[in-house]
Amino acid sequence: MNRPDALWVLRRCGRHGHVLAWIADQQVAAHMERPAVDVDGDGGDDTALVRCLRCGTWVRQNDTAVTVVIGEPAARAALADLPQPVRGAHGRTCALLRLLAVERLLRGTFLVAAGVVAYHVATRRASLLSWVEQLLIAARPLGDQLGLHLRGLGWPTSELSSHAIV
């Protein structure tokens, strides 16, 4: 795993927590577990280190950053029972696909809403034109004061009454 992929996986473990497993297969367990080390020197029972399945970091089982622990030291899990967490470039690809799915969902929702609005405008065209006509009549004194000429704005003049156009 290259450095950018390793950083991505570490960030994912930082957000979602480490995935630890106590594995029944002795050959695999030899690479995934380390015996307990007395770190503080008090002779107490310290927990063993287990390697995270996602990022490969050595973590204690009772660490607060651990969210999933499969099996127990006394009752170990078979290899078939272990999850396959997303690692490396596949994690970035999955995140990108989720982001694209959300974007497509929002775009589709917007297009459907725009279609519904266009349908309602098309079915109520006559009432909308009469509303615009009333609006133009009401705005005529303001247009006269400001020196605005509403002719040539692209309104369909054939359907508007002639006195609505200034």
N, C-alpha and C. Protein backbone atom coordinates (compact mmCIF):
# COMPACT_ATOMS: atom_id res chain seq x y z
N MET A 1 0.85 -1.17 0.00
CA MET A 1 0.00 0.00 0.00
C MET A 1 0.90 1.23 0.00
N ASN A 2 0.64 2.13 -0.94
CA ASN A 2 1.47 3.33 -1.02
C ASN A 2 1.04 4.35 0.04
N ARG A 3 1.79 5.42 0.16
CA ARG A 3 1.57 6.38 1.24
C ARG A 3 0.21 7.07 1.19
N PRO A 4 -0.26 7.57 0.03
CA PRO A 4 -1.59 8.19 0.02
C PRO A 4 -2.70 7.21 0.42
N ASP A 5 -2.59 5.96 -0.03
CA ASP A 5 -3.60 4.97 0.35
C ASP A 5 -3.55 4.70 1.85
N ALA A 6 -2.34 4.61 2.41
CA ALA A 6 -2.19 4.36 3.84
C ALA A 6 -2.77 5.53 4.65
N LEU A 7 -2.55 6.75 4.21
CA LEU A 7 -3.12 7.90 4.91
C LEU A 7 -4.64 7.90 4.83
N TRP A 8 -5.17 7.51 3.67
CA TRP A 8 -6.62 7.44 3.52
C TRP A 8 -7.20 6.40 4.48
N VAL A 9 -6.56 5.26 4.57
CA VAL A 9 -7.05 4.20 5.45
C VAL A 9 -6.94 4.63 6.91
N LEU A 10 -5.86 5.31 7.29
CA LEU A 10 -5.72 5.79 8.67
C LEU A 10 -6.81 6.81 9.01
N ARG A 11 -7.13 7.68 8.05
CA ARG A 11 -8.21 8.64 8.28
C ARG A 11 -9.55 7.93 8.46
N ARG A 12 -9.76 6.91 7.67
CA ARG A 12 -11.01 6.14 7.78
C ARG A 12 -11.09 5.45 9.14
N CYS A 13 -9.99 4.88 9.60
CA CYS A 13 -9.99 4.27 10.94
C CYS A 13 -10.17 5.34 12.01
N GLY A 14 -9.65 6.52 11.79
CA GLY A 14 -9.83 7.61 12.74
C GLY A 14 -11.28 8.05 12.84
N ARG A 15 -12.01 8.02 11.72
CA ARG A 15 -13.41 8.43 11.72
C ARG A 15 -14.34 7.32 12.20
N HIS A 16 -14.09 6.09 11.75
CA HIS A 16 -15.02 5.00 11.99
C HIS A 16 -14.54 4.00 13.04
N GLY A 17 -13.30 4.07 13.43
CA GLY A 17 -12.78 3.16 14.44
C GLY A 17 -12.07 1.96 13.82
N HIS A 18 -11.21 1.34 14.62
CA HIS A 18 -10.43 0.19 14.16
C HIS A 18 -11.30 -1.07 14.17
N VAL A 19 -10.92 -2.03 13.33
CA VAL A 19 -11.58 -3.33 13.26
C VAL A 19 -10.55 -4.37 13.68
N LEU A 20 -10.78 -5.00 14.83
CA LEU A 20 -9.85 -5.99 15.36
C LEU A 20 -10.47 -7.37 15.29
N ALA A 21 -9.61 -8.41 15.23
CA ALA A 21 -10.11 -9.78 15.19
C ALA A 21 -9.14 -10.70 15.91
N TRP A 22 -9.69 -11.59 16.71
CA TRP A 22 -8.94 -12.68 17.32
C TRP A 22 -9.15 -13.87 16.41
N ILE A 23 -8.10 -14.29 15.71
CA ILE A 23 -8.21 -15.26 14.63
C ILE A 23 -7.81 -16.65 15.13
N ALA A 24 -8.59 -17.68 14.70
CA ALA A 24 -8.34 -19.05 15.13
C ALA A 24 -7.15 -19.67 14.41
N ASP A 25 -6.89 -19.31 13.17
CA ASP A 25 -5.77 -19.88 12.41
C ASP A 25 -4.45 -19.38 13.01
N GLN A 26 -3.62 -20.30 13.47
CA GLN A 26 -2.40 -19.94 14.19
C GLN A 26 -1.38 -19.21 13.30
N GLN A 27 -1.29 -19.58 12.03
CA GLN A 27 -0.33 -18.91 11.14
C GLN A 27 -0.70 -17.45 10.91
N VAL A 28 -1.96 -17.21 10.69
CA VAL A 28 -2.42 -15.83 10.49
C VAL A 28 -2.36 -15.07 11.80
N ALA A 29 -2.75 -15.73 12.91
CA ALA A 29 -2.75 -15.08 14.21
C ALA A 29 -1.34 -14.65 14.62
N ALA A 30 -0.33 -15.37 14.19
CA ALA A 30 1.05 -15.00 14.52
C ALA A 30 1.43 -13.66 13.91
N HIS A 31 0.82 -13.29 12.77
CA HIS A 31 1.10 -12.01 12.12
C HIS A 31 0.17 -10.89 12.60
N MET A 32 -0.94 -11.26 13.27
CA MET A 32 -1.95 -10.28 13.64
C MET A 32 -2.01 -9.97 15.14
N GLU A 33 -1.23 -10.68 15.97
CA GLU A 33 -1.28 -10.48 17.41
C GLU A 33 0.12 -10.42 18.00
N ARG A 34 0.25 -9.68 19.08
CA ARG A 34 1.49 -9.61 19.87
C ARG A 34 1.12 -9.83 21.32
N PRO A 35 1.96 -10.52 22.07
CA PRO A 35 1.63 -10.77 23.48
C PRO A 35 1.65 -9.48 24.30
N ALA A 36 1.05 -9.57 25.46
CA ALA A 36 0.96 -8.42 26.35
C ALA A 36 2.34 -7.99 26.80
N VAL A 37 2.54 -6.69 26.87
CA VAL A 37 3.81 -6.12 27.32
C VAL A 37 3.50 -5.25 28.53
N ASP A 38 4.32 -5.40 29.58
CA ASP A 38 4.12 -4.58 30.78
C ASP A 38 4.74 -3.21 30.52
N VAL A 39 3.93 -2.28 30.06
CA VAL A 39 4.41 -0.96 29.65
C VAL A 39 4.68 -0.07 30.86
N ASP A 40 3.78 -0.08 31.83
CA ASP A 40 3.93 0.84 32.95
C ASP A 40 4.79 0.29 34.08
N GLY A 41 5.22 -0.98 34.02
CA GLY A 41 6.16 -1.54 34.98
C GLY A 41 5.55 -1.89 36.32
N ASP A 42 4.22 -1.94 36.41
CA ASP A 42 3.61 -2.26 37.70
C ASP A 42 3.36 -3.75 37.89
N GLY A 43 3.68 -4.54 36.88
CA GLY A 43 3.49 -5.99 36.98
C GLY A 43 2.05 -6.40 36.77
N GLY A 44 1.18 -5.46 36.41
CA GLY A 44 -0.23 -5.76 36.19
C GLY A 44 -0.44 -6.46 34.86
N ASP A 45 -1.64 -6.90 34.64
CA ASP A 45 -1.98 -7.63 33.42
C ASP A 45 -2.36 -6.63 32.33
N ASP A 46 -1.44 -6.36 31.41
CA ASP A 46 -1.73 -5.48 30.28
C ASP A 46 -2.30 -6.32 29.14
N THR A 47 -3.16 -5.69 28.32
CA THR A 47 -3.79 -6.43 27.23
C THR A 47 -2.83 -6.56 26.05
N ALA A 48 -3.08 -7.58 25.27
CA ALA A 48 -2.24 -7.85 24.10
C ALA A 48 -2.55 -6.84 22.99
N LEU A 49 -1.62 -6.72 22.07
CA LEU A 49 -1.81 -5.86 20.90
C LEU A 49 -2.37 -6.70 19.76
N VAL A 50 -3.34 -6.13 19.06
CA VAL A 50 -3.94 -6.79 17.91
C VAL A 50 -3.85 -5.83 16.74
N ARG A 51 -3.57 -6.36 15.56
CA ARG A 51 -3.44 -5.53 14.36
C ARG A 51 -4.82 -5.27 13.75
N CYS A 52 -5.06 -4.00 13.42
CA CYS A 52 -6.32 -3.61 12.80
C CYS A 52 -6.40 -4.24 11.40
N LEU A 53 -7.58 -4.77 11.07
CA LEU A 53 -7.74 -5.39 9.75
C LEU A 53 -7.75 -4.37 8.63
N ARG A 54 -8.15 -3.14 8.93
CA ARG A 54 -8.24 -2.12 7.89
C ARG A 54 -6.91 -1.41 7.64
N CYS A 55 -6.29 -0.89 8.72
CA CYS A 55 -5.11 -0.04 8.52
C CYS A 55 -3.80 -0.71 8.92
N GLY A 56 -3.86 -1.80 9.66
CA GLY A 56 -2.64 -2.50 10.04
C GLY A 56 -1.94 -1.93 11.26
N THR A 57 -2.56 -1.00 11.96
CA THR A 57 -1.98 -0.40 13.15
C THR A 57 -2.15 -1.35 14.34
N TRP A 58 -1.13 -1.42 15.19
CA TRP A 58 -1.21 -2.24 16.39
C TRP A 58 -2.00 -1.48 17.44
N VAL A 59 -3.08 -2.10 17.96
CA VAL A 59 -4.00 -1.44 18.87
C VAL A 59 -4.34 -2.41 20.01
N ARG A 60 -4.54 -1.84 21.19
CA ARG A 60 -5.02 -2.65 22.31
C ARG A 60 -6.54 -2.83 22.17
N GLN A 61 -7.04 -3.98 22.57
CA GLN A 61 -8.46 -4.27 22.40
C GLN A 61 -9.34 -3.31 23.17
N ASN A 62 -8.89 -2.85 24.34
CA ASN A 62 -9.72 -1.96 25.14
C ASN A 62 -9.49 -0.49 24.83
N ASP A 63 -8.84 -0.18 23.72
CA ASP A 63 -8.61 1.20 23.31
C ASP A 63 -9.94 1.85 22.90
N THR A 64 -10.07 3.15 23.12
CA THR A 64 -11.31 3.85 22.79
C THR A 64 -11.52 3.99 21.28
N ALA A 65 -10.47 3.84 20.49
CA ALA A 65 -10.58 3.98 19.04
C ALA A 65 -11.07 2.70 18.36
N VAL A 66 -11.30 1.64 19.13
CA VAL A 66 -11.75 0.37 18.57
C VAL A 66 -13.27 0.34 18.59
N THR A 67 -13.87 0.06 17.42
CA THR A 67 -15.32 -0.03 17.35
C THR A 67 -15.81 -1.45 17.17
N VAL A 68 -15.05 -2.29 16.47
CA VAL A 68 -15.48 -3.65 16.18
C VAL A 68 -14.38 -4.62 16.62
N VAL A 69 -14.77 -5.62 17.43
CA VAL A 69 -13.86 -6.69 17.81
C VAL A 69 -14.55 -8.00 17.49
N ILE A 70 -13.94 -8.79 16.61
CA ILE A 70 -14.50 -10.07 16.23
C ILE A 70 -13.80 -11.15 17.03
N GLY A 71 -14.56 -11.95 17.75
CA GLY A 71 -14.00 -13.02 18.56
C GLY A 71 -13.45 -12.50 19.88
N GLU A 72 -12.94 -13.42 20.67
CA GLU A 72 -12.33 -13.14 21.97
C GLU A 72 -11.05 -13.95 22.06
N PRO A 73 -10.14 -13.60 22.97
CA PRO A 73 -8.93 -14.41 23.10
C PRO A 73 -9.22 -15.87 23.43
N ALA A 74 -10.29 -16.11 24.17
CA ALA A 74 -10.64 -17.48 24.52
C ALA A 74 -11.47 -18.16 23.42
N ALA A 75 -12.30 -17.43 22.73
CA ALA A 75 -13.17 -17.97 21.66
C ALA A 75 -12.83 -17.24 20.37
N ARG A 76 -11.90 -17.77 19.63
CA ARG A 76 -11.40 -17.10 18.43
C ARG A 76 -12.32 -17.35 17.23
N ALA A 77 -12.29 -16.41 16.29
CA ALA A 77 -13.14 -16.47 15.11
C ALA A 77 -12.41 -17.16 13.96
N ALA A 78 -13.17 -17.89 13.16
CA ALA A 78 -12.61 -18.54 11.97
C ALA A 78 -12.36 -17.48 10.89
N LEU A 79 -11.51 -17.81 9.95
CA LEU A 79 -11.19 -16.87 8.87
C LEU A 79 -12.43 -16.54 8.03
N ALA A 80 -13.33 -17.51 7.88
CA ALA A 80 -14.54 -17.28 7.08
C ALA A 80 -15.48 -16.29 7.76
N ASP A 81 -15.38 -16.11 9.08
CA ASP A 81 -16.26 -15.20 9.81
C ASP A 81 -15.78 -13.75 9.82
N LEU A 82 -14.57 -13.52 9.32
CA LEU A 82 -13.99 -12.18 9.37
C LEU A 82 -14.56 -11.29 8.27
N PRO A 83 -14.81 -10.02 8.57
CA PRO A 83 -15.23 -9.09 7.51
C PRO A 83 -14.03 -8.72 6.66
N GLN A 84 -14.31 -8.21 5.49
CA GLN A 84 -13.25 -7.72 4.62
C GLN A 84 -13.37 -6.21 4.54
N PRO A 85 -12.72 -5.50 5.45
CA PRO A 85 -12.84 -4.03 5.43
C PRO A 85 -12.17 -3.45 4.18
N VAL A 86 -12.71 -2.34 3.73
CA VAL A 86 -12.19 -1.68 2.53
C VAL A 86 -10.85 -1.04 2.86
N ARG A 87 -9.85 -1.33 2.03
CA ARG A 87 -8.52 -0.78 2.26
C ARG A 87 -8.02 -0.08 1.00
N GLY A 88 -7.10 0.83 1.17
CA GLY A 88 -6.37 1.45 0.07
C GLY A 88 -7.23 2.24 -0.89
N ALA A 89 -6.92 2.12 -2.18
CA ALA A 89 -7.59 2.90 -3.21
C ALA A 89 -9.07 2.52 -3.33
N HIS A 90 -9.42 1.30 -2.91
CA HIS A 90 -10.81 0.90 -2.96
C HIS A 90 -11.67 1.76 -2.02
N GLY A 91 -11.11 2.15 -0.90
CA GLY A 91 -11.84 3.02 0.03
C GLY A 91 -12.12 4.38 -0.58
N ARG A 92 -11.13 4.93 -1.27
CA ARG A 92 -11.35 6.22 -1.94
C ARG A 92 -12.37 6.08 -3.04
N THR A 93 -12.31 4.97 -3.78
CA THR A 93 -13.25 4.74 -4.87
C THR A 93 -14.67 4.62 -4.33
N CYS A 94 -14.85 3.90 -3.23
CA CYS A 94 -16.18 3.76 -2.63
C CYS A 94 -16.70 5.12 -2.15
N ALA A 95 -15.84 5.92 -1.55
CA ALA A 95 -16.26 7.24 -1.08
C ALA A 95 -16.64 8.13 -2.26
N LEU A 96 -15.88 8.06 -3.33
CA LEU A 96 -16.19 8.85 -4.52
C LEU A 96 -17.51 8.40 -5.15
N LEU A 97 -17.74 7.09 -5.19
CA LEU A 97 -19.00 6.59 -5.75
C LEU A 97 -20.20 7.02 -4.89
N ARG A 98 -20.03 7.03 -3.58
CA ARG A 98 -21.11 7.52 -2.71
C ARG A 98 -21.39 9.00 -2.97
N LEU A 99 -20.33 9.78 -3.11
CA LEU A 99 -20.49 11.20 -3.40
C LEU A 99 -21.19 11.42 -4.73
N LEU A 100 -20.82 10.65 -5.75
CA LEU A 100 -21.47 10.77 -7.06
C LEU A 100 -22.93 10.34 -6.98
N ALA A 101 -23.23 9.33 -6.18
CA ALA A 101 -24.62 8.88 -6.03
C ALA A 101 -25.47 9.97 -5.39
N VAL A 102 -24.94 10.63 -4.39
CA VAL A 102 -25.68 11.72 -3.74
C VAL A 102 -25.88 12.87 -4.72
N GLU A 103 -24.85 13.19 -5.49
CA GLU A 103 -24.96 14.27 -6.48
C GLU A 103 -26.02 13.92 -7.52
N ARG A 104 -26.03 12.68 -8.00
CA ARG A 104 -27.03 12.27 -8.99
C ARG A 104 -28.44 12.30 -8.40
N LEU A 105 -28.57 11.91 -7.14
CA LEU A 105 -29.87 11.96 -6.48
C LEU A 105 -30.38 13.40 -6.40
N LEU A 106 -29.50 14.33 -6.00
CA LEU A 106 -29.91 15.73 -5.93
C LEU A 106 -30.24 16.29 -7.30
N ARG A 107 -29.45 15.92 -8.30
CA ARG A 107 -29.71 16.40 -9.66
C ARG A 107 -31.04 15.86 -10.17
N GLY A 108 -31.31 14.59 -9.94
CA GLY A 108 -32.58 13.99 -10.37
C GLY A 108 -33.77 14.64 -9.68
N THR A 109 -33.62 14.89 -8.37
CA THR A 109 -34.69 15.54 -7.62
C THR A 109 -34.95 16.94 -8.18
N PHE A 110 -33.89 17.68 -8.48
CA PHE A 110 -34.04 19.02 -9.05
C PHE A 110 -34.73 18.96 -10.42
N LEU A 111 -34.35 18.00 -11.26
CA LEU A 111 -34.95 17.90 -12.59
C LEU A 111 -36.43 17.53 -12.50
N VAL A 112 -36.78 16.64 -11.59
CA VAL A 112 -38.19 16.28 -11.42
C VAL A 112 -38.98 17.50 -10.93
N ALA A 113 -38.42 18.23 -9.96
CA ALA A 113 -39.10 19.43 -9.46
C ALA A 113 -39.25 20.47 -10.56
N ALA A 114 -38.22 20.65 -11.38
CA ALA A 114 -38.30 21.60 -12.49
C ALA A 114 -39.35 21.15 -13.50
N GLY A 115 -39.46 19.87 -13.75
CA GLY A 115 -40.50 19.35 -14.66
C GLY A 115 -41.89 19.59 -14.13
N VAL A 116 -42.09 19.39 -12.82
CA VAL A 116 -43.40 19.64 -12.21
C VAL A 116 -43.75 21.12 -12.31
N VAL A 117 -42.79 21.99 -12.04
CA VAL A 117 -43.04 23.43 -12.15
C VAL A 117 -43.36 23.80 -13.60
N ALA A 118 -42.62 23.27 -14.55
CA ALA A 118 -42.89 23.57 -15.96
C ALA A 118 -44.28 23.09 -16.37
N TYR A 119 -44.68 21.93 -15.88
CA TYR A 119 -46.02 21.42 -16.19
C TYR A 119 -47.10 22.34 -15.62
N HIS A 120 -46.92 22.76 -14.38
CA HIS A 120 -47.92 23.64 -13.77
C HIS A 120 -47.96 25.00 -14.47
N VAL A 121 -46.83 25.50 -14.88
CA VAL A 121 -46.81 26.78 -15.61
C VAL A 121 -47.50 26.62 -16.96
N ALA A 122 -47.26 25.50 -17.63
CA ALA A 122 -47.88 25.29 -18.94
C ALA A 122 -49.39 25.12 -18.83
N THR A 123 -49.87 24.48 -17.78
CA THR A 123 -51.31 24.28 -17.63
C THR A 123 -52.02 25.55 -17.17
N ARG A 124 -51.32 26.46 -16.54
CA ARG A 124 -51.92 27.69 -16.02
C ARG A 124 -51.40 28.91 -16.79
N ARG A 125 -51.14 28.75 -18.07
CA ARG A 125 -50.54 29.81 -18.87
C ARG A 125 -51.45 31.03 -18.97
N ALA A 126 -52.72 30.82 -19.17
CA ALA A 126 -53.66 31.94 -19.34
C ALA A 126 -53.76 32.75 -18.04
N SER A 127 -53.84 32.06 -16.91
CA SER A 127 -53.95 32.80 -15.65
C SER A 127 -52.63 33.53 -15.35
N LEU A 128 -51.50 32.94 -15.71
CA LEU A 128 -50.21 33.62 -15.50
C LEU A 128 -50.08 34.85 -16.39
N LEU A 129 -50.56 34.74 -17.64
CA LEU A 129 -50.50 35.90 -18.54
C LEU A 129 -51.40 37.03 -18.04
N SER A 130 -52.57 36.69 -17.50
CA SER A 130 -53.44 37.75 -16.97
C SER A 130 -52.80 38.38 -15.72
N TRP A 131 -52.11 37.57 -14.92
CA TRP A 131 -51.41 38.11 -13.74
C TRP A 131 -50.29 39.06 -14.17
N VAL A 132 -49.54 38.68 -15.22
CA VAL A 132 -48.47 39.55 -15.73
C VAL A 132 -49.07 40.83 -16.29
N GLU A 133 -50.22 40.70 -16.95
CA GLU A 133 -50.88 41.89 -17.49
C GLU A 133 -51.28 42.85 -16.37
N GLN A 134 -51.86 42.33 -15.30
CA GLN A 134 -52.23 43.16 -14.16
C GLN A 134 -51.00 43.78 -13.51
N LEU A 135 -49.93 43.03 -13.46
CA LEU A 135 -48.69 43.53 -12.88
C LEU A 135 -48.13 44.68 -13.73
N LEU A 136 -48.21 44.54 -15.05
CA LEU A 136 -47.72 45.61 -15.93
C LEU A 136 -48.59 46.86 -15.81
N ILE A 137 -49.88 46.67 -15.67
CA ILE A 137 -50.76 47.82 -15.51
C ILE A 137 -50.46 48.53 -14.20
N ALA A 138 -50.22 47.75 -13.16
CA ALA A 138 -49.93 48.35 -11.85
C ALA A 138 -48.56 49.03 -11.85
N ALA A 139 -47.62 48.54 -12.66
CA ALA A 139 -46.28 49.09 -12.67
C ALA A 139 -46.13 50.24 -13.66
N ARG A 140 -47.17 50.55 -14.41
CA ARG A 140 -47.08 51.60 -15.42
C ARG A 140 -46.71 52.97 -14.85
N PRO A 141 -47.29 53.42 -13.73
CA PRO A 141 -46.89 54.72 -13.18
C PRO A 141 -45.43 54.74 -12.74
N LEU A 142 -44.96 53.65 -12.17
CA LEU A 142 -43.56 53.58 -11.77
C LEU A 142 -42.65 53.63 -12.98
N GLY A 143 -43.04 52.91 -14.04
CA GLY A 143 -42.24 52.95 -15.27
C GLY A 143 -42.20 54.34 -15.88
N ASP A 144 -43.30 55.06 -15.80
CA ASP A 144 -43.32 56.44 -16.31
C ASP A 144 -42.39 57.33 -15.50
N GLN A 145 -42.37 57.16 -14.19
CA GLN A 145 -41.52 57.97 -13.33
C GLN A 145 -40.04 57.67 -13.58
N LEU A 146 -39.71 56.42 -13.81
CA LEU A 146 -38.31 56.03 -14.00
C LEU A 146 -37.85 56.12 -15.45
N GLY A 147 -38.76 56.36 -16.35
CA GLY A 147 -38.40 56.47 -17.75
C GLY A 147 -38.18 55.11 -18.41
N LEU A 148 -38.80 54.06 -17.87
CA LEU A 148 -38.66 52.72 -18.44
C LEU A 148 -39.76 52.47 -19.46
N HIS A 149 -39.35 51.82 -20.54
CA HIS A 149 -40.31 51.45 -21.57
C HIS A 149 -40.37 49.93 -21.58
N LEU A 150 -41.54 49.41 -21.28
CA LEU A 150 -41.69 47.96 -21.17
C LEU A 150 -41.87 47.28 -22.52
N ARG A 151 -41.97 48.04 -23.57
CA ARG A 151 -42.10 47.44 -24.89
C ARG A 151 -40.75 46.82 -25.28
N GLY A 152 -40.81 45.62 -25.85
CA GLY A 152 -39.60 44.95 -26.32
C GLY A 152 -38.95 44.06 -25.27
N LEU A 153 -39.67 43.72 -24.21
CA LEU A 153 -39.10 42.83 -23.21
C LEU A 153 -39.28 41.37 -23.56
N GLY A 154 -39.93 41.08 -24.66
CA GLY A 154 -40.11 39.70 -25.08
C GLY A 154 -41.42 39.09 -24.63
N TRP A 155 -42.34 39.89 -24.06
CA TRP A 155 -43.63 39.34 -23.65
C TRP A 155 -44.47 39.11 -24.90
N PRO A 156 -45.25 38.06 -24.89
CA PRO A 156 -46.11 37.80 -26.06
C PRO A 156 -47.23 38.85 -26.14
N THR A 157 -47.03 39.86 -26.99
CA THR A 157 -47.94 41.01 -27.03
C THR A 157 -49.28 40.64 -27.66
N SER A 158 -49.36 39.57 -28.40
CA SER A 158 -50.62 39.21 -29.03
C SER A 158 -51.64 38.78 -28.01
N GLU A 159 -51.20 38.26 -26.87
CA GLU A 159 -52.14 37.79 -25.87
C GLU A 159 -52.35 38.82 -24.76
N LEU A 160 -51.50 39.81 -24.69
CA LEU A 160 -51.68 40.87 -23.70
C LEU A 160 -52.50 42.00 -24.34
N SER A 161 -53.26 42.64 -23.54
CA SER A 161 -54.04 43.76 -24.09
C SER A 161 -53.10 44.89 -24.44
N SER A 162 -53.47 45.67 -25.39
CA SER A 162 -52.59 46.73 -25.89
C SER A 162 -52.34 47.81 -24.86
N HIS A 163 -53.25 48.03 -23.92
CA HIS A 163 -53.05 49.09 -22.93
C HIS A 163 -52.06 48.65 -21.85
N ALA A 164 -51.65 47.37 -21.78
CA ALA A 164 -50.71 46.91 -20.77
C ALA A 164 -49.29 47.25 -21.16
N ILE A 165 -49.03 47.45 -22.43
CA ILE A 165 -47.67 47.74 -22.87
C ILE A 165 -47.49 49.25 -22.85
N VAL A 166 -46.48 49.71 -22.18
CA VAL A 166 -46.22 51.15 -22.04
C VAL A 166 -45.49 51.63 -23.27
